[in-house]
C-alpha cells in the first residue's frame, strides 16, 4: 500500500540531515569525556579515515565544500 509519509531511502534532504546533525551533537554533549574519547578513537581508525576522505572528495566534487576546506580536513586526518 502506498504511504505518502514514507521517505525514500536514497533521498535525504538538507533539512533532515541538519536535524540529524543536531541530534548527534546533543548526544555527544551529553556523553562523559571518557565515552567521547572512546567514540573518537573508533571514528578515526585507518579504515574509517579512508571512508571519510572518499566522502569529502565527493563533497568537493559536488561543490559542498571548497578546495581549502578539503585540504584542511585532510591535514587534520593526517593524510
C-alpha atoms as a PDB file:
ATOM      1  CA  UNK A   1       0.000   0.000   0.000  1.00  0.00           C
ATOM      2  CA  UNK A   2       1.229   3.496  -0.812  1.00  0.00           C
ATOM      3  CA  UNK A   3       2.341   5.513   2.200  1.00  0.00           C
ATOM      4  CA  UNK A   4       2.746   9.251   1.436  1.00  0.00           C
ATOM      5  CA  UNK A   5       4.696   9.791   4.661  1.00  0.00           C
ATOM      6  CA  UNK A   6       7.321   7.163   3.936  1.00  0.00           C
ATOM      7  CA  UNK A   7      10.571   8.751   2.795  1.00  0.00           C
ATOM      8  CA  UNK A   8      12.741   7.314   0.070  1.00  0.00           C
ATOM      9  CA  UNK A   9      15.883   5.747   1.491  1.00  0.00           C
ATOM     10  CA  UNK A  10      18.166   7.153  -1.197  1.00  0.00           C
ATOM     11  CA  UNK A  11      16.997  10.758  -0.872  1.00  0.00           C
ATOM     12  CA  UNK A  12      17.979  12.698   2.227  1.00  0.00           C
ATOM     13  CA  UNK A  13      17.009  16.337   2.334  1.00  0.00           C
ATOM     14  CA  UNK A  14      19.355  19.005   3.628  1.00  0.00           C
ATOM     15  CA  UNK A  15      16.955  19.885   6.439  1.00  0.00           C
ATOM     16  CA  UNK A  16      16.733  16.253   7.538  1.00  0.00           C
ATOM     17  CA  UNK A  17      20.493  15.967   7.572  1.00  0.00           C
ATOM     18  CA  UNK A  18      20.727  19.182   9.583  1.00  0.00           C
ATOM     19  CA  UNK A  19      18.269  17.762  12.084  1.00  0.00           C
ATOM     20  CA  UNK A  20      20.258  14.539  12.376  1.00  0.00           C
ATOM     21  CA  UNK A  21      23.454  16.522  12.936  1.00  0.00           C
ATOM     22  CA  UNK A  22      21.749  18.486  15.718  1.00  0.00           C
ATOM     23  CA  UNK A  23      20.589  15.268  17.383  1.00  0.00           C
ATOM     24  CA  UNK A  24      24.088  13.809  17.105  1.00  0.00           C
ATOM     25  CA  UNK A  25      25.671  16.919  18.622  1.00  0.00           C
ATOM     26  CA  UNK A  26      23.235  16.880  21.557  1.00  0.00           C
ATOM     27  CA  UNK A  27      24.010  13.218  22.176  1.00  0.00           C
ATOM     28  CA  UNK A  28      27.737  13.942  22.035  1.00  0.00           C
ATOM     29  CA  UNK A  29      27.375  16.807  24.535  1.00  0.00           C
ATOM     30  CA  UNK A  30      25.583  14.517  26.994  1.00  0.00           C
ATOM     31  CA  UNK A  31      28.337  11.876  26.850  1.00  0.00           C
ATOM     32  CA  UNK A  32      31.003  11.677  29.508  1.00  0.00           C
ATOM     33  CA  UNK A  33      34.541  12.681  28.427  1.00  0.00           C
ATOM     34  CA  UNK A  34      35.608   9.033  28.621  1.00  0.00           C
ATOM     35  CA  UNK A  35      32.791   7.954  26.270  1.00  0.00           C
ATOM     36  CA  UNK A  36      33.604  10.825  23.898  1.00  0.00           C
ATOM     37  CA  UNK A  37      37.257   9.775  23.749  1.00  0.00           C
ATOM     38  CA  UNK A  38      36.300   6.155  23.071  1.00  0.00           C
ATOM     39  CA  UNK A  39      33.959   7.196  20.258  1.00  0.00           C
ATOM     40  CA  UNK A  40      36.599   9.447  18.673  1.00  0.00           C
ATOM     41  CA  UNK A  41      39.175   6.647  18.738  1.00  0.00           C
ATOM     42  CA  UNK A  42      36.669   4.399  16.977  1.00  0.00           C
ATOM     43  CA  UNK A  43      35.838   7.046  14.374  1.00  0.00           C
ATOM     44  CA  UNK A  44      39.448   7.797  13.493  1.00  0.00           C
ATOM     45  CA  UNK A  45      40.614   4.264  12.789  1.00  0.00           C
ATOM     46  CA  UNK A  46      42.560   3.971   9.500  1.00  0.00           C
ATOM     47  CA  UNK A  47      39.730   2.256   7.611  1.00  0.00           C
ATOM     48  CA  UNK A  48      37.281   4.953   8.710  1.00  0.00           C
ATOM     49  CA  UNK A  49      39.710   7.717   7.686  1.00  0.00           C
ATOM     50  CA  UNK A  50      39.704   6.334   4.143  1.00  0.00           C
ATOM     51  CA  UNK A  51      35.898   6.376   4.099  1.00  0.00           C
ATOM     52  CA  UNK A  52      35.872   9.986   5.340  1.00  0.00           C
ATOM     53  CA  UNK A  53      38.336  11.013   2.632  1.00  0.00           C
ATOM     54  CA  UNK A  54      36.170   9.435  -0.070  1.00  0.00           C
ATOM     55  CA  UNK A  55      33.094  11.269   1.218  1.00  0.00           C
ATOM     56  CA  UNK A  56      34.996  14.565   1.379  1.00  0.00           C
ATOM     57  CA  UNK A  57      36.185  14.074  -2.221  1.00  0.00           C
ATOM     58  CA  UNK A  58      32.568  13.566  -3.283  1.00  0.00           C
ATOM     59  CA  UNK A  59      31.520  16.679  -1.370  1.00  0.00           C
ATOM     60  CA  UNK A  60      34.291  18.674  -3.055  1.00  0.00           C
ATOM     61  CA  UNK A  61      33.205  17.412  -6.487  1.00  0.00           C
ATOM     62  CA  UNK A  62      29.586  18.336  -5.716  1.00  0.00           C
ATOM     63  CA  UNK A  63      30.607  21.824  -4.604  1.00  0.00           C
ATOM     64  CA  UNK A  64      29.524  21.346  -0.996  1.00  0.00           C
ATOM     65  CA  UNK A  65      32.998  22.164   0.307  1.00  0.00           C
ATOM     66  CA  UNK A  66      35.838  24.224  -1.142  1.00  0.00           C
ATOM     67  CA  UNK A  67      39.334  23.054  -2.009  1.00  0.00           C
ATOM     68  CA  UNK A  68      40.702  24.864   1.055  1.00  0.00           C
ATOM     69  CA  UNK A  69      38.210  23.143   3.358  1.00  0.00           C
ATOM     70  CA  UNK A  70      39.110  19.800   1.792  1.00  0.00           C
ATOM     71  CA  UNK A  71      42.838  20.343   2.295  1.00  0.00           C
ATOM     72  CA  UNK A  72      42.348  21.499   5.904  1.00  0.00           C
ATOM     73  CA  UNK A  73      40.221  18.452   6.773  1.00  0.00           C
ATOM     74  CA  UNK A  74      42.678  16.137   5.033  1.00  0.00           C
ATOM     75  CA  UNK A  75      45.530  17.651   7.010  1.00  0.00           C
ATOM     76  CA  UNK A  76      43.611  17.150  10.286  1.00  0.00           C
ATOM     77  CA  UNK A  77      43.152  13.493   9.393  1.00  0.00           C
ATOM     78  CA  UNK A  78      46.904  13.184   8.961  1.00  0.00           C
ATOM     79  CA  UNK A  79      46.863  12.492   5.221  1.00  0.00           C
END
